[in-house]
């Protein structure tokens, strides 16, 4: 028969402040960047890819939408939500 022995670490020994610290540090770094007026390139790229993914006005792949937005200012403004689409 197998026996299960308890672990030396108990929930009572965990400090919630230490567990939450890394997430708080990441959030403060991002908020610092936003307040300084700059965003990390990864964040900007993720936002733009999500905007292109959500766009349903063109049935194209995301790289093709990206290229089309680079060539056509009207489409870029539509994806960014700056002005309505004029067809």
Protein backbone atom coordinates (compact mmCIF):
# COMPACT_ATOMS: atom_id res chain seq x y z
CA UNK A 1 0.00 0.00 0.00
CA UNK A 2 1.17 3.53 -0.80
CA UNK A 3 1.19 6.25 1.76
CA UNK A 4 0.95 9.93 1.03
CA UNK A 5 3.06 12.21 3.13
CA UNK A 6 2.20 15.86 3.56
CA UNK A 7 4.32 18.49 1.93
CA UNK A 8 6.47 20.72 4.13
CA UNK A 9 4.96 23.83 2.52
CA UNK A 10 1.55 24.80 3.83
CA UNK A 11 -0.82 27.46 2.58
CA UNK A 12 -0.39 29.33 5.85
CA UNK A 13 3.31 29.85 5.09
CA UNK A 14 2.64 31.64 1.78
CA UNK A 15 2.74 35.40 1.86
CA UNK A 16 0.11 36.87 -0.53
CA UNK A 17 2.13 40.09 -0.86
CA UNK A 18 5.11 38.16 -2.25
CA UNK A 19 2.91 36.24 -4.70
CA UNK A 20 1.31 39.44 -6.04
CA UNK A 21 4.56 41.43 -6.25
CA UNK A 22 5.70 40.37 -9.77
CA UNK A 23 2.32 41.23 -11.29
CA UNK A 24 2.35 44.60 -9.56
CA UNK A 25 5.86 45.32 -10.85
CA UNK A 26 4.83 44.52 -14.44
CA UNK A 27 1.75 46.71 -14.16
CA UNK A 28 3.72 49.63 -12.74
CA UNK A 29 6.28 49.38 -15.54
CA UNK A 30 3.54 49.47 -18.17
CA UNK A 31 1.73 52.35 -16.46
CA UNK A 32 5.02 54.24 -16.26
CA UNK A 33 5.50 53.81 -20.00
CA UNK A 34 1.94 54.95 -20.73
CA UNK A 35 2.27 58.02 -18.53
CA UNK A 36 5.57 58.87 -20.25
CA UNK A 37 3.77 58.79 -23.60
CA UNK A 38 5.51 55.71 -24.94
CA UNK A 39 4.38 52.12 -25.30
CA UNK A 40 6.59 49.10 -25.80
CA UNK A 41 6.74 47.96 -29.42
CA UNK A 42 5.25 44.56 -28.49
CA UNK A 43 2.14 46.27 -27.11
CA UNK A 44 1.71 48.47 -30.17
CA UNK A 45 2.11 45.48 -32.50
CA UNK A 46 -0.41 43.43 -30.52
CA UNK A 47 -2.96 46.27 -30.58
CA UNK A 48 -2.59 46.76 -34.34
CA UNK A 49 -2.85 43.03 -35.07
CA UNK A 50 -6.02 42.83 -32.96
CA UNK A 51 -7.51 45.82 -34.79
CA UNK A 52 -6.76 44.22 -38.16
CA UNK A 53 -8.16 40.89 -36.96
CA UNK A 54 -11.42 42.56 -35.87
CA UNK A 55 -11.86 44.41 -39.15
CA UNK A 56 -14.52 42.75 -41.31
CA UNK A 57 -14.69 45.28 -44.15
CA UNK A 58 -12.14 43.25 -46.17
CA UNK A 59 -11.94 39.50 -46.39
CA UNK A 60 -8.15 39.21 -46.52
CA UNK A 61 -5.37 37.75 -44.39
CA UNK A 62 -3.90 39.92 -41.64
CA UNK A 63 -0.60 40.49 -43.50
CA UNK A 64 -2.54 41.61 -46.60
CA UNK A 65 -4.70 43.95 -44.49
CA UNK A 66 -1.51 45.31 -42.92
CA UNK A 67 -0.01 46.00 -46.36
CA UNK A 68 -3.28 47.52 -47.65
CA UNK A 69 -3.44 49.83 -44.61
CA UNK A 70 0.12 50.99 -45.35
CA UNK A 71 -0.92 51.96 -48.88
CA UNK A 72 -4.40 53.42 -48.30
CA UNK A 73 -4.87 56.12 -45.69
CA UNK A 74 -8.67 55.83 -45.78
CA UNK A 75 -8.53 52.12 -44.86
CA UNK A 76 -5.97 52.86 -42.13
CA UNK A 77 -8.25 55.54 -40.66
CA UNK A 78 -11.18 53.10 -40.79
CA UNK A 79 -9.24 50.36 -38.98
CA UNK A 80 -8.07 52.82 -36.33
CA UNK A 81 -11.62 54.14 -35.94
CA UNK A 82 -10.66 57.72 -36.82
CA UNK A 83 -13.41 58.34 -39.36
CA UNK A 84 -16.31 56.49 -41.00
CA UNK A 85 -15.86 54.50 -44.19
CA UNK A 86 -16.77 56.37 -47.39
CA UNK A 87 -17.77 53.91 -50.10
